[in-house]
Protein backbone atom coordinates (compact mmCIF):
# COMPACT_ATOMS: atom_id res chain seq x y z
CA MET A 1 66.13 121.96 55.56
CA GLU A 2 66.59 125.01 57.80
CA ASN A 3 66.04 122.84 60.89
CA LEU A 4 68.64 120.33 59.67
CA MET A 5 71.19 123.12 59.16
CA ALA A 6 70.45 124.54 62.61
CA VAL A 7 70.88 121.11 64.23
CA MET A 8 74.17 120.52 62.36
CA ALA A 9 75.47 123.97 63.34
CA SER A 10 74.52 123.33 66.98
CA LEU A 11 76.27 119.95 66.96
CA LEU A 12 79.38 121.50 65.42
CA LEU A 13 79.38 124.25 68.06
CA LEU A 14 78.86 121.79 70.91
CA SER A 15 81.64 119.51 69.68
CA SER A 16 84.06 122.43 69.54
CA LEU A 17 83.15 123.39 73.12
CA SER A 18 83.46 119.89 74.57
CA ALA A 19 86.33 119.00 76.82
CA GLN A 20 89.32 117.03 75.59
CA THR A 21 91.16 114.73 77.99
CA LEU A 22 94.80 113.92 77.25
CA ASN A 23 96.92 111.27 78.96
CA VAL A 24 100.34 112.23 80.26
CA SER A 25 103.60 110.64 79.13
CA GLU A 26 107.31 111.09 79.82
CA ALA A 27 106.36 111.80 83.43
CA GLU A 28 108.93 112.34 86.16
CA ILE A 29 108.65 113.32 89.79
CA HIS A 30 111.80 114.53 91.52
CA TRP A 31 111.66 114.75 95.32
CA LYS A 32 113.99 116.26 97.89
CA GLY A 33 113.82 115.86 101.67
CA SER A 34 116.08 117.82 104.00
CA LYS A 35 117.62 117.80 107.46
CA SER A 36 119.49 120.67 109.06
CA TYR A 37 122.84 119.46 107.67
CA GLU A 38 122.02 117.35 104.59
CA TYR A 39 119.36 116.36 102.10
CA HIS A 40 118.41 113.34 100.04
CA GLU A 41 116.69 113.26 96.70
CA GLY A 42 115.24 110.84 94.22
CA THR A 43 112.41 110.02 91.87
CA LEU A 44 108.91 108.56 91.73
CA ASN A 45 106.88 107.34 88.75
CA ILE A 46 103.46 108.54 87.70
CA SER A 47 101.54 105.36 86.84
CA SER A 48 98.65 107.24 85.20
CA GLY A 49 97.54 110.78 84.67
CA SER A 50 95.47 113.01 82.48
CA LEU A 51 94.72 116.66 81.84
CA THR A 52 91.39 117.95 80.60
CA PHE A 53 91.18 121.02 78.37
CA LYS A 54 88.17 122.96 77.16
CA ASN A 55 88.83 125.44 74.35
CA ASP A 56 92.57 125.00 74.96
CA VAL A 57 92.22 126.02 78.63
CA LEU A 58 93.06 123.57 81.40
CA VAL A 59 89.92 122.61 83.33
CA GLY A 60 90.86 119.37 85.10
CA GLY A 61 93.46 116.79 85.87
CA ASN A 62 94.23 113.72 87.92
CA PHE A 63 97.32 111.64 88.61
CA THR A 64 98.25 108.41 90.32
CA VAL A 65 101.77 107.90 91.68
CA ASP A 66 103.28 104.43 92.13
CA MET A 67 104.78 104.71 95.62
CA ASN A 68 106.65 101.41 95.12
CA SER A 69 108.71 103.18 92.44
CA ILE A 70 110.44 105.50 94.92
CA LEU A 71 114.19 105.72 94.36
CA CYS A 72 117.01 107.60 96.06
CA THR A 73 119.46 109.04 93.52
CA ASP A 74 122.06 110.82 95.67
CA LEU A 75 123.49 107.95 97.73
CA PRO A 76 125.62 104.90 96.89
CA GLU A 77 123.51 101.82 96.06
CA LYS A 78 123.65 100.16 99.50
CA ASP A 79 122.82 103.37 101.39
CA ALA A 80 120.12 104.29 98.87
CA ALA A 81 118.47 100.87 99.31
CA LYS A 82 118.43 101.36 103.10
CA LEU A 83 116.83 104.80 102.77
CA VAL A 84 114.23 103.53 100.28
CA ARG A 85 113.29 100.69 102.67
CA ASN A 86 112.73 103.30 105.40
CA LEU A 87 110.73 105.57 103.07
CA LYS A 88 108.50 102.63 102.09
CA SER A 89 108.03 101.59 105.73
CA ASN A 90 105.41 102.80 108.18
CA ASN A 91 107.94 105.44 109.30
CA PHE A 92 107.14 107.39 106.13
CA PHE A 93 104.80 106.36 103.29
CA ALA A 94 103.52 102.93 104.47
CA VAL A 95 103.71 101.67 100.89
CA ALA A 96 102.56 98.12 101.69
CA LYS A 97 99.22 99.56 102.85
CA HIS A 98 99.17 102.61 100.55
CA PRO A 99 100.89 101.68 97.25
CA GLU A 100 99.50 104.72 95.46
CA ALA A 101 99.28 108.44 96.05
CA ASN A 102 96.72 110.49 94.12
CA LEU A 103 96.08 114.04 93.00
CA THR A 104 92.77 115.37 91.68
CA PHE A 105 92.52 118.98 90.50
CA THR A 106 89.60 120.72 92.23
CA SER A 107 90.07 124.33 91.08
CA ILE A 108 92.10 125.93 88.30
CA THR A 109 92.75 129.63 87.70
CA VAL A 110 94.51 130.97 84.61
CA THR A 111 97.48 133.20 85.53
CA ASP A 112 100.15 135.07 83.57
CA GLY A 113 102.63 132.27 84.26
CA GLY A 114 100.31 129.33 83.57
CA TYR A 115 97.74 128.00 86.01
CA GLU A 116 97.20 128.15 89.74
CA VAL A 117 95.92 124.71 90.63
CA THR A 118 94.20 123.62 93.81
CA GLY A 119 94.16 119.89 94.13
CA ASP A 120 93.34 117.15 96.59
CA PHE A 121 96.43 115.09 97.34
CA THR A 122 95.90 111.69 98.93
CA ILE A 123 99.02 110.28 100.59
CA ARG A 124 98.87 107.40 103.10
CA GLY A 125 95.09 107.44 102.70
CA ILE A 126 94.87 111.04 104.00
CA THR A 127 93.58 113.77 101.70
CA ASN A 128 94.58 117.44 101.93
CA SER A 129 94.13 120.36 99.60
CA GLU A 130 97.33 121.88 98.19
CA ILE A 131 97.90 124.86 95.88
CA PHE A 132 100.64 124.99 93.25
CA MET A 133 101.57 126.66 89.97
CA LEU A 134 101.53 124.59 86.77
CA GLN A 135 103.36 125.89 83.72
CA ILE A 136 102.40 124.52 80.30
CA GLU A 137 104.26 125.12 77.07
CA ASP A 138 104.39 123.11 73.84
CA ASN A 139 102.48 120.14 75.33
CA LYS A 140 104.91 119.93 78.26
CA ALA A 141 104.05 120.78 81.83
CA THR A 142 106.08 121.43 84.98
CA ALA A 143 105.16 122.19 88.56
CA ASP A 144 107.28 122.93 91.61
CA LEU A 145 105.59 122.51 94.94
CA LYS A 146 106.17 121.91 98.60
CA ILE A 147 104.22 119.31 100.52
CA ASP A 148 104.12 119.28 104.31
CA ARG A 149 104.48 115.60 105.23
CA SER A 150 103.12 116.18 108.73
CA LYS A 151 99.68 116.87 107.21
CA TYR A 152 99.73 113.24 106.01
CA ASN A 153 100.63 111.85 109.45
CA ILE A 154 104.25 111.15 108.49
CA LYS A 155 105.74 111.62 111.95
CA PHE A 156 109.23 110.11 111.75
CA ALA A 157 111.78 112.65 113.10
CA SER A 158 109.29 115.49 112.58
CA GLY A 159 109.51 118.62 114.68
CA SER A 160 105.72 118.91 114.37
CA PHE A 161 105.32 115.78 116.50
CA PHE A 162 108.53 115.52 118.56
CA ALA A 163 110.61 118.04 120.51
CA ASN A 164 114.37 118.20 121.03
CA LEU A 165 115.35 116.15 117.97
CA GLY A 166 118.53 118.15 117.40
CA ASP A 167 120.38 117.01 114.28
CA ARG A 168 117.98 114.04 113.92
CA LEU A 169 115.21 116.47 112.87
CA ILE A 170 113.92 115.93 109.32
CA TYR A 171 112.11 118.95 107.94
CA ASP A 172 108.42 118.50 107.22
CA GLU A 173 108.49 120.19 103.82
CA LEU A 174 109.22 117.99 100.82
CA ASP A 175 110.31 119.74 97.63
CA ILE A 176 108.61 118.22 94.61
CA ARG A 177 109.24 118.89 90.90
CA VAL A 178 106.87 117.26 88.45
CA SER A 179 107.35 117.30 84.69
CA PHE A 180 105.48 115.50 81.94
CA ALA A 181 104.33 115.67 78.34
CA TYR A 182 100.80 115.15 77.08
């Protein structure tokens, strides 16, 4: 009987220590790209994503972004459609060849403001490590980050690849705001 109680107690302890993976919902990605004299912004959809918690502490996560869902929200319809075509083309995200972008958390540190996350982003089939802060409150999460498009071989009008672009220069940094529930 003592052995049975010990086994049951061990199983109870192990089950309370196991990780819990939760799928994300109500996900939204807001992007902003800038030139010296203007910017454009829009949205992307997260097609799947999950966070893993152990003892209520974030220990993992992964997300897939549907690159075909890219929209421009700051221009009239005709101009927005033209920009989206260019963003989907080989000039930028090469969506026909790379319809998804991915993020896999590789390291997570608890901070006063939430979590410092290091993750592997894969965009256009190229993977780079990025660091960002993730805030979680009441089963909702937000992250603001900057991604350097030149690290993903997105060369169009980039000062990292071309000189003397003048007002045709498009900055390499993309501002990204991600929010979702889980």
